[in-house]
N, C-alpha and C. Protein backbone atom coordinates (compact mmCIF):
# COMPACT_ATOMS: atom_id res chain seq x y z
N UNK A 1 200.42 34.71 180.43
CA UNK A 1 201.57 33.90 180.74
C UNK A 1 202.69 34.83 181.20
N UNK A 2 203.51 34.36 182.08
CA UNK A 2 204.62 35.15 182.58
C UNK A 2 205.95 34.59 182.11
N UNK A 3 206.95 35.46 182.04
CA UNK A 3 208.29 35.08 181.63
C UNK A 3 209.27 36.07 182.25
N UNK A 4 210.54 35.90 181.96
CA UNK A 4 211.58 36.81 182.43
C UNK A 4 212.30 37.38 181.23
N UNK A 5 212.46 38.72 181.20
CA UNK A 5 213.20 39.35 180.11
C UNK A 5 214.62 38.81 180.13
N UNK A 6 215.11 38.42 178.96
CA UNK A 6 216.43 37.84 178.85
C UNK A 6 217.37 38.78 178.09
N UNK A 7 216.96 39.19 176.90
CA UNK A 7 217.75 40.15 176.13
C UNK A 7 216.82 41.25 175.63
N UNK A 8 217.40 42.42 175.35
CA UNK A 8 216.63 43.51 174.77
C UNK A 8 217.60 44.48 174.09
N UNK A 9 217.30 44.84 172.85
CA UNK A 9 218.08 45.80 172.09
C UNK A 9 217.22 47.05 171.88
N UNK A 10 217.54 48.16 172.55
CA UNK A 10 216.71 49.36 172.42
C UNK A 10 216.70 49.93 171.01
N UNK A 11 217.71 49.64 170.21
CA UNK A 11 217.75 50.13 168.84
C UNK A 11 216.70 49.47 167.95
N UNK A 12 216.52 48.18 168.12
CA UNK A 12 215.54 47.44 167.31
C UNK A 12 214.24 47.18 168.05
N UNK A 13 214.24 47.39 169.38
CA UNK A 13 213.11 47.10 170.27
C UNK A 13 212.73 45.61 170.21
N UNK A 14 213.71 44.77 169.94
CA UNK A 14 213.50 43.32 169.89
C UNK A 14 214.40 42.65 170.93
N UNK A 15 214.09 41.42 171.25
CA UNK A 15 214.89 40.69 172.21
C UNK A 15 214.33 39.30 172.44
N UNK A 16 214.48 38.82 173.65
CA UNK A 16 213.97 37.49 173.98
C UNK A 16 213.59 37.43 175.45
N UNK A 17 212.74 36.48 175.75
CA UNK A 17 212.34 36.20 177.13
C UNK A 17 212.67 34.75 177.41
N UNK A 18 212.74 34.42 178.69
CA UNK A 18 212.87 33.03 179.12
C UNK A 18 211.57 32.62 179.77
N UNK A 19 210.98 31.56 179.24
CA UNK A 19 209.78 31.01 179.88
C UNK A 19 210.20 30.39 181.21
N UNK A 20 209.25 30.10 182.06
CA UNK A 20 209.58 29.56 183.38
C UNK A 20 210.27 28.21 183.32
N UNK A 21 210.15 27.50 182.20
CA UNK A 21 210.86 26.23 182.07
C UNK A 21 212.26 26.41 181.48
N UNK A 22 212.67 27.68 181.26
CA UNK A 22 214.00 27.97 180.74
C UNK A 22 214.08 28.09 179.23
N UNK A 23 212.98 27.90 178.54
CA UNK A 23 212.96 28.00 177.09
C UNK A 23 213.04 29.45 176.65
N UNK A 24 214.01 29.81 175.79
CA UNK A 24 214.05 31.18 175.27
C UNK A 24 213.02 31.35 174.15
N UNK A 25 212.42 32.52 174.09
CA UNK A 25 211.43 32.82 173.08
C UNK A 25 211.65 34.26 172.62
N UNK A 26 211.92 34.47 171.32
CA UNK A 26 212.20 35.82 170.85
C UNK A 26 210.93 36.67 170.73
N UNK A 27 211.12 37.98 170.77
CA UNK A 27 210.02 38.90 170.46
C UNK A 27 210.55 39.98 169.53
N UNK A 28 209.65 40.54 168.72
CA UNK A 28 210.04 41.59 167.78
C UNK A 28 209.51 42.94 168.26
N UNK A 29 209.80 43.98 167.48
CA UNK A 29 209.39 45.34 167.85
C UNK A 29 207.88 45.47 167.97
N UNK A 30 207.13 44.77 167.11
CA UNK A 30 205.67 44.84 167.17
C UNK A 30 205.14 44.32 168.50
N UNK A 31 205.69 43.23 169.00
CA UNK A 31 205.27 42.68 170.29
C UNK A 31 205.64 43.64 171.42
N UNK A 32 206.84 44.22 171.34
CA UNK A 32 207.27 45.18 172.36
C UNK A 32 206.37 46.41 172.35
N UNK A 33 206.10 46.95 171.18
CA UNK A 33 205.26 48.15 171.06
C UNK A 33 203.83 47.90 171.52
N UNK A 34 203.31 46.69 171.34
CA UNK A 34 201.94 46.37 171.74
C UNK A 34 201.73 46.51 173.24
N UNK A 35 202.79 46.34 174.02
CA UNK A 35 202.68 46.42 175.47
C UNK A 35 202.85 47.80 176.05
N UNK A 36 203.18 48.78 175.22
CA UNK A 36 203.28 50.15 175.69
C UNK A 36 204.52 50.46 176.52
N UNK A 37 205.53 49.61 176.45
CA UNK A 37 206.75 49.86 177.23
C UNK A 37 207.69 50.80 176.50
N UNK A 38 208.56 51.46 177.25
CA UNK A 38 209.60 52.29 176.65
C UNK A 38 210.99 51.70 176.85
N UNK A 39 211.14 50.82 177.83
CA UNK A 39 212.43 50.24 178.16
C UNK A 39 212.20 48.88 178.81
N UNK A 40 213.16 48.00 178.65
CA UNK A 40 213.09 46.69 179.27
C UNK A 40 214.49 46.30 179.70
N UNK A 41 214.60 45.79 180.91
CA UNK A 41 215.90 45.37 181.43
C UNK A 41 215.90 43.85 181.64
N UNK A 42 217.00 43.19 181.28
CA UNK A 42 217.09 41.76 181.54
C UNK A 42 216.83 41.46 183.03
N UNK A 43 216.08 40.42 183.27
CA UNK A 43 215.74 40.01 184.63
C UNK A 43 214.37 40.48 185.07
N UNK A 44 213.77 41.43 184.36
CA UNK A 44 212.43 41.88 184.74
C UNK A 44 211.41 40.81 184.43
N UNK A 45 210.43 40.65 185.32
CA UNK A 45 209.32 39.74 185.06
C UNK A 45 208.36 40.44 184.12
N UNK A 46 207.91 39.71 183.12
CA UNK A 46 207.02 40.27 182.13
C UNK A 46 205.80 39.38 181.92
N UNK A 47 204.76 40.00 181.42
CA UNK A 47 203.55 39.29 181.02
C UNK A 47 203.59 39.22 179.49
N UNK A 48 203.38 38.03 178.94
CA UNK A 48 203.43 37.87 177.49
C UNK A 48 202.17 37.17 177.00
N UNK A 49 201.91 37.36 175.72
CA UNK A 49 200.88 36.59 175.01
C UNK A 49 201.58 36.01 173.79
N UNK A 50 201.33 34.76 173.50
CA UNK A 50 201.98 34.09 172.37
C UNK A 50 200.93 33.58 171.38
N UNK A 51 201.41 33.32 170.17
CA UNK A 51 200.60 32.66 169.14
C UNK A 51 201.44 31.57 168.52
N UNK A 52 200.78 30.56 167.98
CA UNK A 52 201.48 29.48 167.33
C UNK A 52 201.90 28.40 168.31
N UNK A 53 202.60 27.42 167.77
CA UNK A 53 203.06 26.29 168.59
C UNK A 53 204.39 25.80 168.05
N UNK A 54 205.12 25.14 168.90
CA UNK A 54 206.41 24.56 168.51
C UNK A 54 207.37 25.63 168.02
N UNK A 55 208.03 25.35 166.91
CA UNK A 55 209.01 26.29 166.35
C UNK A 55 208.36 27.56 165.81
N UNK A 56 207.04 27.54 165.59
CA UNK A 56 206.32 28.71 165.08
C UNK A 56 205.77 29.60 166.19
N UNK A 57 205.99 29.20 167.43
CA UNK A 57 205.49 29.99 168.57
C UNK A 57 206.22 31.31 168.62
N UNK A 58 205.45 32.41 168.80
CA UNK A 58 206.07 33.73 168.87
C UNK A 58 205.34 34.61 169.87
N UNK A 59 206.04 35.55 170.42
CA UNK A 59 205.47 36.52 171.35
C UNK A 59 204.79 37.61 170.52
N UNK A 60 203.53 37.90 170.85
CA UNK A 60 202.80 38.96 170.14
C UNK A 60 202.45 40.13 171.04
N UNK A 61 202.70 39.99 172.34
CA UNK A 61 202.42 41.05 173.32
C UNK A 61 203.37 40.86 174.48
N UNK A 62 203.93 41.97 174.96
CA UNK A 62 204.88 41.92 176.06
C UNK A 62 204.72 43.19 176.89
N UNK A 63 204.56 43.04 178.19
CA UNK A 63 204.51 44.18 179.09
C UNK A 63 205.02 43.73 180.45
N UNK A 64 205.12 44.65 181.38
CA UNK A 64 205.57 44.28 182.72
C UNK A 64 204.52 43.41 183.41
N UNK A 65 204.97 42.57 184.30
CA UNK A 65 204.09 41.65 185.01
C UNK A 65 202.97 42.39 185.74
N UNK A 66 203.27 43.58 186.25
CA UNK A 66 202.29 44.33 187.04
C UNK A 66 201.28 45.07 186.17
N UNK A 67 201.48 45.10 184.85
CA UNK A 67 200.54 45.76 183.95
C UNK A 67 199.57 44.72 183.39
N UNK A 68 198.37 45.14 183.12
CA UNK A 68 197.34 44.22 182.60
C UNK A 68 197.51 44.01 181.10
N UNK A 69 197.05 42.87 180.65
CA UNK A 69 196.94 42.57 179.23
C UNK A 69 195.50 42.91 178.86
N UNK A 70 195.27 43.92 178.03
CA UNK A 70 193.89 44.33 177.73
C UNK A 70 193.08 43.26 177.02
N UNK A 71 193.71 42.24 176.46
CA UNK A 71 192.97 41.18 175.78
C UNK A 71 192.81 39.93 176.64
N UNK A 72 193.31 39.97 177.85
CA UNK A 72 193.18 38.80 178.73
C UNK A 72 191.73 38.66 179.20
N UNK A 73 191.25 37.44 179.33
CA UNK A 73 189.88 37.24 179.84
C UNK A 73 189.74 37.82 181.24
N UNK A 74 188.66 38.49 181.47
CA UNK A 74 188.38 39.06 182.79
C UNK A 74 187.54 38.08 183.58
N UNK A 75 187.78 38.02 184.88
CA UNK A 75 186.95 37.09 185.65
C UNK A 75 187.33 36.96 187.01
């Protein structure tokens, strides 16, 4: 799934993304670290993986749109 980086705090490595429908979705340091990034700027297109649904939905993986998700189905 793709989204746009909305906020990012380099001190905590946490922030939020905006889904394409405008819904904000937070991410924590674990999700940021899983993607192997060192920096994120608001407005960058990102590739995310989420778990859960509704209010329990959370980002578990975040990387740049041009980078692959190693757990994505190949085909």
